[in-house]
């Protein structure tokens, strides 16, 4: 469906009027009334929020954003921190490549004088900043008329046009349709308004269509099949992978080592593990000890596969081959432990060892 220029102008106005009244108040957001008073968005704070929220809900990510702003008030502070500290404070947000790229990006920006680039074309060159994040920062912070498309926007646009091609194949179509409506005069507010519409009104389930300022333009609403959209391709069953985790205990301490920087969970701390395989691998323990295996394996779902780990526990006081360190069990929270390893240590029942 296409609209006339006057209809598009009306859609933009009704959405922005709604946002001026009802838009979410988020700690990193500069509201329209604040902009009118001369307040400008902080690119560092906006960038940090966008990286954190890529795979995280606002409710979960806000406390991390507040913590990072307290620990690292400026991009220079973040750049000066050690990667290990950044990973430790990131633990719980998942997708740790984001944290590594966050640190790399902070260093580049700090070395360039502490100012973020002001265009999408330059922002997208920085580590960890893709099309969506670059578009968002450029629009919100520097008023560049970009097209901001996240999952919320995709849902709104798919319903407006009843897009039948399933995601993710329809992403290009949805972005093209979204671009037609983008407001060149208030690009940052418009982008945030459309995301808010998807997050609070045009929700995945039980959308509040009667409250939607765009309901008169929405094809899915007129046809009564809003919740059908966006159509998604059937999910494929996740492959299963298997391995063994070895929890080595010395009285009140546990042995940890660091994973390689490249790859899954790169740079995070872990207990020794076998390689992960398509079937249960041999139990090649890192040391000879009186190992006991916990009753149930740990299961952890990554994006592209599900991992099953048998957890083995043993007391051991001799030298351990390879690099690593003993960590007091009471201080494990100070380490950069991914959720997988936290599950392993919980399963090991260290308090009972």
Protein backbone atom coordinates (compact mmCIF):
# COMPACT_ATOMS: atom_id res chain seq x y z
CA UNK A 1 0.00 0.00 0.00
CA UNK A 2 1.21 3.50 -0.76
CA UNK A 3 0.11 6.80 0.69
CA UNK A 4 0.03 10.33 -0.69
CA UNK A 5 2.48 12.93 0.55
CA UNK A 6 -0.26 14.51 2.64
CA UNK A 7 -1.12 11.17 4.23
CA UNK A 8 2.53 10.52 5.04
CA UNK A 9 2.82 13.98 6.57
CA UNK A 10 -0.28 13.27 8.66
CA UNK A 11 1.13 9.91 9.82
CA UNK A 12 4.38 11.54 10.90
CA UNK A 13 2.54 14.27 12.77
CA UNK A 14 0.18 11.95 14.61
CA UNK A 15 3.06 9.69 15.63
CA UNK A 16 5.24 12.56 16.85
CA UNK A 17 2.34 14.17 18.68
CA UNK A 18 1.75 10.85 20.44
CA UNK A 19 5.46 10.54 21.26
CA UNK A 20 5.55 14.06 22.67
CA UNK A 21 2.77 13.03 25.06
CA UNK A 22 3.32 9.33 25.66
CA UNK A 23 6.90 8.43 24.71
CA UNK A 24 8.87 6.40 27.21
CA UNK A 25 11.07 8.17 29.69
CA UNK A 26 14.38 6.31 29.60
CA UNK A 27 17.50 7.36 31.53
CA UNK A 28 19.59 7.84 28.38
CA UNK A 29 16.84 9.57 26.39
CA UNK A 30 16.49 13.29 25.86
CA UNK A 31 12.77 13.96 25.66
CA UNK A 32 11.33 16.54 23.22
CA UNK A 33 10.65 19.01 26.01
CA UNK A 34 14.28 18.69 27.14
CA UNK A 35 15.50 19.25 23.58
CA UNK A 36 13.36 22.37 23.45
CA UNK A 37 15.14 23.56 26.59
CA UNK A 38 18.52 23.12 24.90
CA UNK A 39 19.55 19.70 26.24
CA UNK A 40 21.47 17.60 23.71
CA UNK A 41 21.81 13.81 23.74
CA UNK A 42 25.13 12.44 24.95
CA UNK A 43 26.52 10.26 22.12
CA UNK A 44 28.50 8.15 24.60
CA UNK A 45 25.41 7.40 26.68
CA UNK A 46 23.28 6.69 23.59
CA UNK A 47 25.93 4.42 22.08
CA UNK A 48 26.29 2.50 25.36
CA UNK A 49 22.54 1.99 25.64
CA UNK A 50 22.21 0.82 22.04
CA UNK A 51 25.01 -1.73 22.33
CA UNK A 52 23.61 -3.08 25.60
CA UNK A 53 20.03 -3.32 24.32
CA UNK A 54 20.85 -5.15 21.08
CA UNK A 55 20.08 -8.53 22.68
CA UNK A 56 18.58 -7.39 25.97
CA UNK A 57 15.31 -5.94 27.20
CA UNK A 58 15.14 -2.37 28.50
CA UNK A 59 14.15 -3.69 31.93
CA UNK A 60 17.22 -5.92 32.15
CA UNK A 61 19.69 -3.61 30.43
CA UNK A 62 18.96 -0.41 32.36
CA UNK A 63 20.75 -1.48 35.53
CA UNK A 64 23.86 -2.37 33.48
CA UNK A 65 23.74 0.99 31.72
CA UNK A 66 23.55 2.80 35.05
CA UNK A 67 26.41 0.72 36.42
CA UNK A 68 28.66 1.40 33.43
CA UNK A 69 27.93 5.14 33.54
CA UNK A 70 28.83 5.13 37.23
CA UNK A 71 32.05 3.16 36.70
CA UNK A 72 33.00 4.78 33.40
CA UNK A 73 31.43 8.27 33.16
CA UNK A 74 33.16 9.05 29.85
CA UNK A 75 34.34 7.13 26.82
CA UNK A 76 37.91 7.86 27.94
CA UNK A 77 37.22 6.16 31.28
CA UNK A 78 35.86 3.09 29.50
CA UNK A 79 38.86 3.01 27.16
CA UNK A 80 41.26 3.18 30.10
CA UNK A 81 39.61 0.22 31.87
CA UNK A 82 41.00 -3.29 31.45
CA UNK A 83 39.09 -5.65 29.19
CA UNK A 84 38.84 -8.07 32.10
CA UNK A 85 37.04 -5.47 34.21
CA UNK A 86 34.69 -4.62 31.35
CA UNK A 87 33.87 -8.30 30.80
CA UNK A 88 33.33 -8.81 34.51
CA UNK A 89 30.85 -5.95 34.74
CA UNK A 90 29.19 -7.08 31.51
CA UNK A 91 28.59 -10.62 32.83
CA UNK A 92 24.87 -11.39 32.69
CA UNK A 93 24.19 -9.45 29.50
CA UNK A 94 25.45 -12.26 27.28
CA UNK A 95 26.80 -12.07 23.72
CA UNK A 96 30.22 -11.13 25.04
CA UNK A 97 31.59 -10.14 21.64
CA UNK A 98 29.56 -6.97 22.20
CA UNK A 99 31.60 -6.18 25.32
CA UNK A 100 34.90 -6.79 23.53
CA UNK A 101 33.82 -4.55 20.65
CA UNK A 102 32.55 -1.97 23.14
CA UNK A 103 36.04 -1.77 24.62
CA UNK A 104 37.72 -1.63 21.19
CA UNK A 105 35.36 1.11 20.05
CA UNK A 106 35.93 3.15 23.21
CA UNK A 107 39.70 3.01 22.65
CA UNK A 108 39.37 4.19 19.05
CA UNK A 109 37.06 7.06 19.98
CA UNK A 110 39.23 8.07 22.95
CA UNK A 111 42.37 8.03 20.82
CA UNK A 112 40.58 10.25 18.31
CA UNK A 113 39.88 12.93 20.90
CA UNK A 114 36.85 11.47 22.66
CA UNK A 115 34.27 12.63 20.10
CA UNK A 116 32.06 10.15 18.26
CA UNK A 117 31.73 10.57 14.47
CA UNK A 118 28.63 12.55 13.51
CA UNK A 119 27.49 10.63 10.43
CA UNK A 120 26.15 7.14 9.90
CA UNK A 121 28.81 6.51 7.26
CA UNK A 122 31.62 7.13 9.76
CA UNK A 123 29.92 5.57 12.79
CA UNK A 124 29.41 2.27 10.99
CA UNK A 125 33.18 1.91 10.59
CA UNK A 126 33.63 1.52 14.36
CA UNK A 127 33.82 -1.96 15.97
CA UNK A 128 30.46 -3.35 17.01
CA UNK A 129 28.40 -0.65 15.30
CA UNK A 130 26.18 -1.97 12.54
CA UNK A 131 23.58 -0.35 10.32
CA UNK A 132 20.89 -0.04 13.00
CA UNK A 133 23.15 1.33 15.72
CA UNK A 134 24.85 3.79 13.36
CA UNK A 135 21.47 4.99 12.08
CA UNK A 136 20.17 5.43 15.62
CA UNK A 137 23.16 7.38 16.97
CA UNK A 138 23.35 9.57 13.86
CA UNK A 139 19.64 10.44 14.04
CA UNK A 140 19.30 10.91 17.80
CA UNK A 141 22.57 12.70 18.47
CA UNK A 142 23.33 14.50 15.21
CA UNK A 143 19.93 14.90 13.49
CA UNK A 144 20.94 12.95 10.41
CA UNK A 145 17.77 11.79 8.58
CA UNK A 146 18.38 8.05 8.74
CA UNK A 147 15.95 5.12 8.76
CA UNK A 148 15.98 3.37 12.14
CA UNK A 149 14.70 -0.21 11.99
CA UNK A 150 14.80 -2.55 14.98
CA UNK A 151 12.52 -5.48 15.80
CA UNK A 152 9.78 -3.19 17.07
CA UNK A 153 9.83 -1.15 13.88
CA UNK A 154 9.81 -4.28 11.72
CA UNK A 155 6.67 -5.44 13.50
CA UNK A 156 4.87 -2.11 13.02
CA UNK A 157 5.77 -1.89 9.33
CA UNK A 158 4.91 -5.55 8.65
CA UNK A 159 1.44 -4.98 10.12
CA UNK A 160 0.89 -1.66 8.37
CA UNK A 161 1.50 -3.29 4.99
CA UNK A 162 0.56 -6.92 5.79
CA UNK A 163 3.94 -8.06 4.51
CA UNK A 164 3.58 -11.74 3.66
CA UNK A 165 7.23 -12.56 3.10
CA UNK A 166 8.55 -14.08 6.34
CA UNK A 167 11.40 -12.74 8.40
CA UNK A 168 14.34 -12.64 8.06
CA UNK A 169 14.00 -12.56 4.25
CA UNK A 170 11.65 -9.58 4.45
CA UNK A 171 14.12 -7.31 6.27
CA UNK A 172 15.12 -5.39 3.14
CA UNK A 173 11.49 -4.90 2.13
CA UNK A 174 10.57 -3.71 5.62
CA UNK A 175 13.46 -1.24 5.68
CA UNK A 176 12.47 0.15 2.29
CA UNK A 177 8.86 0.59 3.43
CA UNK A 178 10.00 2.18 6.68
CA UNK A 179 12.22 4.65 4.82
CA UNK A 180 9.19 6.12 3.04
CA UNK A 181 7.73 7.22 6.38
CA UNK A 182 10.91 8.48 8.07
CA UNK A 183 10.70 12.10 9.16
CA UNK A 184 13.59 14.25 7.88
CA UNK A 185 12.83 17.11 10.27
CA UNK A 186 12.83 15.25 13.59
CA UNK A 187 14.70 12.05 12.69
CA UNK A 188 15.78 11.15 16.23
CA UNK A 189 12.39 11.73 17.81
CA UNK A 190 10.63 9.98 14.93
CA UNK A 191 12.85 6.90 15.19
CA UNK A 192 12.34 6.68 18.94
CA UNK A 193 8.61 7.27 18.52
CA UNK A 194 8.27 4.38 16.09
CA UNK A 195 10.27 2.08 18.37
CA UNK A 196 8.09 3.12 21.31
CA UNK A 197 4.94 2.45 19.30
CA UNK A 198 6.13 -1.11 18.72
CA UNK A 199 7.33 -1.58 22.29
CA UNK A 200 4.23 -0.28 24.07
CA UNK A 201 1.25 -0.41 21.66
CA UNK A 202 1.99 -2.62 18.65
CA UNK A 203 3.30 -5.43 20.86
CA UNK A 204 3.93 -9.00 19.65
CA UNK A 205 0.91 -10.38 21.52
CA UNK A 206 -2.34 -8.64 22.43
CA UNK A 207 -1.48 -5.31 20.79
CA UNK A 208 -3.49 -2.28 21.93
CA UNK A 209 -4.80 -1.47 18.48
CA UNK A 210 -7.59 0.82 19.70
CA UNK A 211 -4.95 3.09 21.24
CA UNK A 212 -2.74 3.13 18.16
CA UNK A 213 -2.47 6.45 16.33
CA UNK A 214 -1.83 4.57 13.08
CA UNK A 215 -4.75 2.14 13.24
CA UNK A 216 -6.59 3.92 10.42
CA UNK A 217 -3.62 3.28 8.13
CA UNK A 218 -2.94 -0.32 9.22
CA UNK A 219 -3.93 -3.04 6.77
CA UNK A 220 -3.59 -5.81 9.34
CA UNK A 221 -5.93 -3.95 11.70
CA UNK A 222 -8.50 -3.44 8.95
CA UNK A 223 -8.33 -7.15 8.10
CA UNK A 224 -8.46 -8.27 11.73
CA UNK A 225 -5.28 -10.36 11.60
CA UNK A 226 -2.74 -8.15 13.36
CA UNK A 227 -1.11 -10.90 15.41
CA UNK A 228 -0.30 -12.87 12.27
CA UNK A 229 2.40 -10.33 11.43
CA UNK A 230 5.31 -10.24 11.11
CA UNK A 231 5.37 -13.70 9.61
CA UNK A 232 8.43 -15.63 10.69
CA UNK A 233 10.09 -18.56 9.01
CA UNK A 234 9.74 -21.83 10.96
CA UNK A 235 12.52 -22.27 13.48
CA UNK A 236 14.94 -25.08 12.81
CA UNK A 237 15.75 -27.45 15.64
CA UNK A 238 18.99 -26.42 17.32
CA UNK A 239 21.91 -28.83 16.92
CA UNK A 240 23.00 -30.52 20.16
CA UNK A 241 26.64 -30.45 21.26
CA UNK A 242 28.33 -32.20 24.17
CA UNK A 243 31.34 -31.86 26.43
CA UNK A 244 32.81 -32.28 29.91
CA UNK A 245 33.58 -29.57 32.46
CA UNK A 246 36.17 -30.16 35.18
CA UNK A 247 35.75 -28.25 38.45
CA UNK A 248 39.04 -28.48 40.37
CA UNK A 249 38.76 -27.49 44.03
CA UNK A 250 41.48 -26.81 46.58
CA UNK A 251 39.76 -26.28 49.93
CA UNK A 252 37.97 -22.94 49.49
CA UNK A 253 39.34 -22.21 46.00
CA UNK A 254 38.47 -23.25 42.45
CA UNK A 255 40.75 -23.32 39.40
CA UNK A 256 39.85 -20.97 36.54
CA UNK A 257 41.48 -20.25 33.22
CA UNK A 258 40.83 -17.67 30.50
CA UNK A 259 39.27 -18.57 27.17
CA UNK A 260 41.01 -17.39 23.99
CA UNK A 261 40.11 -13.86 22.91
CA UNK A 262 38.69 -15.05 19.58
CA UNK A 263 35.55 -17.15 19.41
CA UNK A 264 32.54 -17.83 21.59
CA UNK A 265 32.81 -16.38 25.13
CA UNK A 266 36.19 -14.96 24.12
CA UNK A 267 38.29 -13.58 26.96
CA UNK A 268 35.92 -14.86 29.66
CA UNK A 269 36.96 -17.06 32.57
CA UNK A 270 36.07 -20.75 32.65
CA UNK A 271 36.81 -24.06 34.33
CA UNK A 272 38.77 -26.54 32.20
CA UNK A 273 36.59 -28.17 29.56
CA UNK A 274 36.90 -30.64 26.73
CA UNK A 275 36.17 -29.52 23.21
CA UNK A 276 32.45 -29.39 22.38
CA UNK A 277 31.47 -32.12 19.96
CA UNK A 278 28.43 -33.53 18.15
CA UNK A 279 28.50 -36.53 20.50
CA UNK A 280 29.87 -37.12 23.98
CA UNK A 281 33.69 -36.80 23.77
CA UNK A 282 36.19 -38.83 25.76
CA UNK A 283 36.56 -37.88 29.40
CA UNK A 284 40.03 -36.41 29.08
CA UNK A 285 40.45 -34.90 32.53
CA UNK A 286 43.08 -32.15 32.95
CA UNK A 287 44.60 -33.91 36.00
CA UNK A 288 44.47 -37.35 37.60
CA UNK A 289 42.10 -37.08 40.55
CA UNK A 290 39.19 -38.76 42.30
CA UNK A 291 36.54 -37.26 40.05
CA UNK A 292 32.84 -37.48 40.80
CA UNK A 293 30.30 -36.60 38.14
CA UNK A 294 27.23 -34.63 39.10
CA UNK A 295 23.92 -36.34 38.52
CA UNK A 296 22.55 -34.17 35.71
CA UNK A 297 24.41 -32.41 32.87
CA UNK A 298 24.24 -28.64 32.51
CA UNK A 299 22.32 -27.52 29.45
CA UNK A 300 22.93 -24.09 27.95
CA UNK A 301 21.37 -22.72 24.77
CA UNK A 302 23.47 -20.51 22.52
CA UNK A 303 22.12 -18.80 19.40
CA UNK A 304 23.06 -21.59 17.00
CA UNK A 305 23.29 -24.71 19.17
CA UNK A 306 22.46 -26.21 22.55
CA UNK A 307 25.33 -27.38 24.74
CA UNK A 308 25.21 -30.24 27.23
CA UNK A 309 28.05 -30.48 29.76
CA UNK A 310 28.75 -33.25 32.24
CA UNK A 311 30.14 -31.59 35.36
CA UNK A 312 32.99 -33.39 37.15
CA UNK A 313 34.30 -32.25 40.55
CA UNK A 314 37.50 -33.20 42.41
CA UNK A 315 39.74 -32.00 45.20
CA UNK A 316 43.31 -31.41 43.99
CA UNK A 317 46.29 -29.71 45.64
CA UNK A 318 49.20 -30.33 43.24
CA UNK A 319 50.37 -28.17 40.36
CA UNK A 320 47.96 -27.85 37.44
CA UNK A 321 49.33 -27.72 33.88
CA UNK A 322 48.57 -24.71 31.73
CA UNK A 323 47.82 -21.11 32.58
CA UNK A 324 45.16 -20.32 35.13
CA UNK A 325 44.64 -19.23 38.70
CA UNK A 326 43.05 -20.23 41.97
CA UNK A 327 40.05 -18.08 42.87
CA UNK A 328 38.41 -17.96 46.27
CA UNK A 329 34.91 -19.40 45.96
CA UNK A 330 33.57 -16.44 47.95
CA UNK A 331 35.02 -14.04 45.35
CA UNK A 332 33.80 -15.72 42.15
CA UNK A 333 31.46 -12.81 41.53
CA UNK A 334 34.55 -10.64 40.93
CA UNK A 335 35.50 -12.71 37.89
CA UNK A 336 34.33 -12.39 34.27
CA UNK A 337 32.21 -15.53 34.35
CA UNK A 338 29.69 -16.18 31.56
CA UNK A 339 26.31 -17.63 32.44
CA UNK A 340 27.40 -21.07 31.22
CA UNK A 341 30.23 -21.28 33.75
CA UNK A 342 28.01 -19.94 36.53
CA UNK A 343 25.65 -22.83 35.78
CA UNK A 344 28.55 -25.28 35.90
CA UNK A 345 29.76 -23.96 39.25
CA UNK A 346 26.24 -24.03 40.65
CA UNK A 347 25.88 -27.65 39.53
CA UNK A 348 29.22 -28.49 41.16
CA UNK A 349 27.73 -27.61 44.58
CA UNK A 350 31.01 -26.10 45.73
CA UNK A 351 29.67 -25.42 49.20
CA UNK A 352 29.30 -29.17 49.71
CA UNK A 353 32.62 -30.24 48.20
